[in-house]
Amino acid sequence: MLELHQVRKIYPGPSGPVTALADFSLHVAAGEMVAVRGPSGAGKSTLLLLAGGLLSPDTGRVIVDGRDLFQLSAEARADFRAENIGFVFQQFHLLPYLNVRDNVLAANLVRPVGNAQDRADELLSIFGLSNRARHVPAALSTGERQRTALARALLHRPRLLLADEPTGNLDDENGKTVLDFLADHARQGGTVLLATHDARVAEVAQRTVSLPTTRIDAAQLSKMGGS
């Protein structure tokens, strides 16, 4: 489902170029749940952005379901992403003026799915958010915002789900609920790639990939918005 071939990404830094990924290759099969682990600055967030076609590699190829993402036009790549890929970002990117339920349903504006409202209510129930459905993001805890972002990403049952630290702000109970649901998504044929520091994720994932430490400094990491 996902293939990265000799992918390299280098960012400009205050002291010179900084390598986030160096000739990195990865194959993830359909229905597989893979955890990517590594210290802050190892390039985990960069890897997810590349895999989802949101960030172009300096060299190498990114192939999703047989399509070379960066051989597509920007418009075709965006359409393909909407049809096939779900994202959970560390920053959540919830719309501040919409309540929880409408934030989840916002995914339906990009790619309409049947019974979207029932699906949204199902996800809110699974993630313990039914009683928060009418609250705006500012009224939520960080963990509730994280679960809302995950529900939005899963609304259209994406064939490839990319999640950046999906349990990073969750307690043990909610973290287990999220991991069990992601594992079930994989069992039903979805492909899941997670970037994480959480040892619990490695226990649930079918495979763990470790990234080596790179030279990304704190200022550059902040600019990139992740790890």
Protein backbone atom coordinates (compact mmCIF):
# COMPACT_ATOMS: atom_id res chain seq x y z
CA MET A 1 0.00 0.00 0.00
CA LEU A 2 2.85 2.37 0.83
CA GLU A 3 6.35 2.35 -0.62
CA LEU A 4 9.14 4.82 0.03
CA HIS A 5 12.23 4.30 -2.10
CA GLN A 6 15.50 5.94 -1.10
CA VAL A 7 13.73 9.06 0.15
CA ARG A 8 15.86 11.99 1.23
CA LYS A 9 14.71 15.26 2.78
CA ILE A 10 17.05 18.09 3.75
CA TYR A 11 16.00 21.36 5.39
CA PRO A 12 17.97 24.61 5.44
CA GLY A 13 19.20 25.38 8.95
CA PRO A 14 20.89 28.35 10.65
CA SER A 15 24.18 26.44 10.70
CA GLY A 16 23.80 24.78 7.34
CA PRO A 17 21.64 22.06 5.76
CA VAL A 18 19.96 19.62 8.13
CA THR A 19 19.15 16.08 7.01
CA ALA A 20 15.74 14.85 8.24
CA LEU A 21 15.76 11.59 6.26
CA ALA A 22 18.70 10.15 4.37
CA ASP A 23 17.99 7.60 1.63
CA PHE A 24 15.22 6.00 3.67
CA SER A 25 13.14 3.12 2.28
CA LEU A 26 10.00 1.53 3.72
CA HIS A 27 7.31 -0.84 2.45
CA VAL A 28 3.99 -1.15 4.31
CA ALA A 29 1.49 -3.76 3.17
CA ALA A 30 -2.25 -3.25 2.96
CA GLY A 31 -3.81 -4.14 6.30
CA GLU A 32 -0.54 -3.65 8.17
CA MET A 33 -0.11 -1.46 11.25
CA VAL A 34 3.45 -0.15 11.53
CA ALA A 35 4.91 2.00 14.30
CA VAL A 36 7.78 4.36 13.54
CA ARG A 37 9.87 5.15 16.60
CA GLY A 38 12.85 7.35 17.22
CA PRO A 39 13.99 10.30 19.34
CA SER A 40 12.81 13.85 18.72
CA GLY A 41 14.48 15.14 15.58
CA ALA A 42 14.79 11.70 13.99
CA GLY A 43 12.42 12.64 11.15
CA LYS A 44 9.20 10.86 12.15
CA SER A 45 6.88 13.76 11.29
CA THR A 46 8.79 14.40 8.06
CA LEU A 47 8.28 10.76 7.13
CA LEU A 48 4.50 11.01 7.60
CA LEU A 49 4.27 14.24 5.59
CA LEU A 50 6.20 12.62 2.75
CA ALA A 51 4.08 9.46 2.89
CA GLY A 52 0.91 11.54 2.62
CA GLY A 53 2.11 13.67 -0.27
CA LEU A 54 2.12 16.87 1.78
CA LEU A 55 5.88 17.31 1.55
CA SER A 56 7.97 16.54 -1.52
CA PRO A 57 11.22 14.59 -1.14
CA ASP A 58 14.48 16.03 -2.42
CA THR A 59 15.23 12.63 -3.93
CA GLY A 60 13.46 9.28 -4.00
CA ARG A 61 9.92 8.11 -4.71
CA VAL A 62 6.72 7.89 -2.66
CA ILE A 63 4.20 5.36 -3.97
CA VAL A 64 0.74 4.82 -2.47
CA ASP A 65 -1.44 2.05 -3.86
CA GLY A 66 0.69 1.95 -6.99
CA ARG A 67 0.57 5.70 -7.62
CA ASP A 68 3.79 7.71 -7.58
CA LEU A 69 2.49 10.73 -5.65
CA PHE A 70 4.99 13.23 -6.98
CA GLN A 71 4.44 12.25 -10.59
CA LEU A 72 0.87 13.51 -10.16
CA SER A 73 -0.12 17.14 -10.58
CA ALA A 74 -0.79 19.05 -7.37
CA GLU A 75 -4.54 18.88 -8.05
CA ALA A 76 -4.50 15.15 -8.80
CA ARG A 77 -2.38 14.51 -5.71
CA ALA A 78 -4.87 16.44 -3.55
CA ASP A 79 -7.77 14.44 -5.01
CA PHE A 80 -5.94 11.16 -4.42
CA ARG A 81 -5.18 12.19 -0.84
CA ALA A 82 -8.82 13.05 -0.16
CA GLU A 83 -9.94 9.68 -1.52
CA ASN A 84 -7.39 7.46 0.19
CA ILE A 85 -5.44 9.04 3.05
CA GLY A 86 -6.37 10.16 6.56
CA PHE A 87 -4.11 12.32 8.74
CA VAL A 88 -3.83 12.91 12.47
CA PHE A 89 -1.42 15.77 13.14
CA GLN A 90 0.25 16.65 16.42
CA GLN A 91 -1.29 20.13 16.17
CA PHE A 92 -4.79 18.64 15.51
CA HIS A 93 -5.82 21.46 13.09
CA LEU A 94 -9.41 21.56 14.34
CA LEU A 95 -11.61 24.41 13.13
CA PRO A 96 -12.08 26.66 16.18
CA TYR A 97 -15.54 27.91 15.23
CA LEU A 98 -17.04 24.42 14.74
CA ASN A 99 -18.13 22.09 17.51
CA VAL A 100 -16.70 18.59 17.92
CA ARG A 101 -19.33 16.84 15.79
CA ASP A 102 -19.06 19.38 12.98
CA ASN A 103 -15.26 19.17 13.07
CA VAL A 104 -15.54 15.44 12.50
CA LEU A 105 -18.09 15.96 9.72
CA ALA A 106 -15.84 18.55 8.07
CA ALA A 107 -14.02 15.62 6.47
CA ASN A 108 -17.25 14.90 4.60
CA LEU A 109 -16.93 18.22 2.76
CA VAL A 110 -13.70 17.03 1.15
CA ARG A 111 -14.84 13.53 0.37
CA PRO A 112 -18.57 12.81 0.89
CA VAL A 113 -19.38 9.40 2.37
CA GLY A 114 -22.70 7.68 2.88
CA ASN A 115 -24.30 7.90 6.33
CA ALA A 116 -21.68 10.42 7.40
CA GLN A 117 -23.69 11.67 10.37
CA ASP A 118 -24.25 8.16 11.72
CA ARG A 119 -20.56 7.37 11.22
CA ALA A 120 -19.58 10.56 13.07
CA ASP A 121 -21.85 9.71 16.00
CA GLU A 122 -20.42 6.17 16.10
CA LEU A 123 -16.85 7.49 16.28
CA LEU A 124 -17.73 10.05 18.95
CA SER A 125 -19.21 7.26 21.03
CA ILE A 126 -16.18 4.99 20.56
CA PHE A 127 -13.79 7.74 21.61
CA GLY A 128 -15.87 8.90 24.56
CA LEU A 129 -16.82 12.24 23.03
CA SER A 130 -20.61 11.99 22.74
CA ASN A 131 -21.14 14.31 25.70
CA ARG A 132 -18.74 16.83 24.17
CA ALA A 133 -20.25 16.82 20.68
CA ARG A 134 -21.59 20.40 20.95
CA HIS A 135 -18.45 21.89 22.47
CA VAL A 136 -15.94 23.92 20.45
CA PRO A 137 -12.24 22.96 20.56
CA ALA A 138 -11.36 25.73 23.04
CA ALA A 139 -13.61 24.03 25.61
CA LEU A 140 -11.88 20.65 25.25
CA SER A 141 -8.88 19.14 26.97
CA THR A 142 -5.84 18.36 24.84
CA GLY A 143 -6.73 14.67 24.90
CA GLU A 144 -10.29 15.41 23.75
CA ARG A 145 -8.98 17.50 20.86
CA GLN A 146 -6.67 14.65 19.92
CA ARG A 147 -9.53 12.15 19.87
CA THR A 148 -11.65 14.56 17.83
CA ALA A 149 -8.88 14.84 15.24
CA LEU A 150 -8.61 11.06 15.08
CA ALA A 151 -12.37 10.67 14.62
CA ARG A 152 -12.26 13.19 11.76
CA ALA A 153 -9.43 11.28 10.08
CA LEU A 154 -11.35 8.02 10.32
CA LEU A 155 -14.72 9.32 9.11
CA HIS A 156 -14.27 8.06 5.54
CA ARG A 157 -12.41 4.86 6.54
CA PRO A 158 -9.17 5.83 4.77
CA ARG A 159 -7.17 3.13 3.06
CA LEU A 160 -4.01 4.68 4.54
CA LEU A 161 -4.03 6.37 7.95
CA LEU A 162 -1.01 8.45 9.00
CA ALA A 163 -0.98 9.41 12.67
CA ASP A 164 1.61 11.54 14.46
CA GLU A 165 1.75 10.66 18.17
CA PRO A 166 -1.94 9.62 18.30
CA THR A 167 -1.73 8.63 21.98
CA GLY A 168 0.67 11.34 23.09
CA ASN A 169 -1.91 13.28 25.14
CA LEU A 170 -4.11 10.41 26.26
CA ASP A 171 -4.40 8.60 29.57
CA ASP A 172 -4.01 4.82 29.69
CA GLU A 173 -7.71 4.07 29.22
CA ASN A 174 -8.27 6.39 26.27
CA GLY A 175 -4.91 5.44 24.79
CA LYS A 176 -5.91 1.79 24.82
CA THR A 177 -9.27 2.62 23.20
CA VAL A 178 -7.53 4.47 20.38
CA LEU A 179 -4.93 1.76 19.82
CA ASP A 180 -7.55 -1.01 19.82
CA PHE A 181 -9.58 0.91 17.25
CA LEU A 182 -6.55 1.50 15.02
CA ALA A 183 -5.63 -2.17 15.22
CA ASP A 184 -9.20 -3.05 14.25
CA HIS A 185 -9.00 -0.61 11.33
CA ALA A 186 -5.93 -2.52 10.13
CA ARG A 187 -7.63 -5.89 10.58
CA GLN A 188 -10.42 -4.65 8.34
CA GLY A 189 -7.91 -3.89 5.60
CA GLY A 190 -6.84 -0.34 6.37
CA THR A 191 -3.14 0.47 6.47
CA VAL A 192 -1.86 2.37 9.52
CA LEU A 193 1.48 4.15 9.90
CA LEU A 194 2.12 5.74 13.30
CA ALA A 195 4.91 7.96 14.52
CA THR A 196 5.26 7.55 18.25
CA HIS A 197 7.34 7.59 21.42
CA ASP A 198 4.73 5.42 23.16
CA ALA A 199 5.89 1.88 23.94
CA ARG A 200 2.25 0.75 24.04
CA VAL A 201 1.95 1.41 20.30
CA ALA A 202 4.85 -0.90 19.53
CA GLU A 203 3.07 -3.66 21.44
CA VAL A 204 -0.06 -3.34 19.28
CA ALA A 205 1.60 -2.69 15.92
CA GLN A 206 2.53 -5.62 13.72
CA ARG A 207 5.95 -4.14 13.08
CA THR A 208 8.18 -1.38 14.47
CA VAL A 209 10.64 0.68 12.43
CA SER A 210 13.29 2.70 14.26
CA LEU A 211 14.75 5.91 12.86
CA PRO A 212 18.27 6.98 13.81
CA THR A 213 18.98 10.35 15.41
CA THR A 214 19.55 13.17 12.92
CA ARG A 215 21.05 16.63 13.35
CA ILE A 216 17.83 18.64 13.53
CA ASP A 217 18.20 21.34 16.16
CA ALA A 218 15.41 22.61 18.42
CA ALA A 219 14.73 25.74 16.34
CA GLN A 220 14.38 23.73 13.15
CA LEU A 221 12.21 21.12 14.87
CA SER A 222 9.82 23.84 16.04
CA LYS A 223 9.65 25.26 12.52
CA MET A 224 8.80 21.80 11.15
CA GLY A 225 6.02 21.45 13.73
CA GLY A 226 6.83 17.94 14.87
CA SER A 227 9.49 15.35 15.60
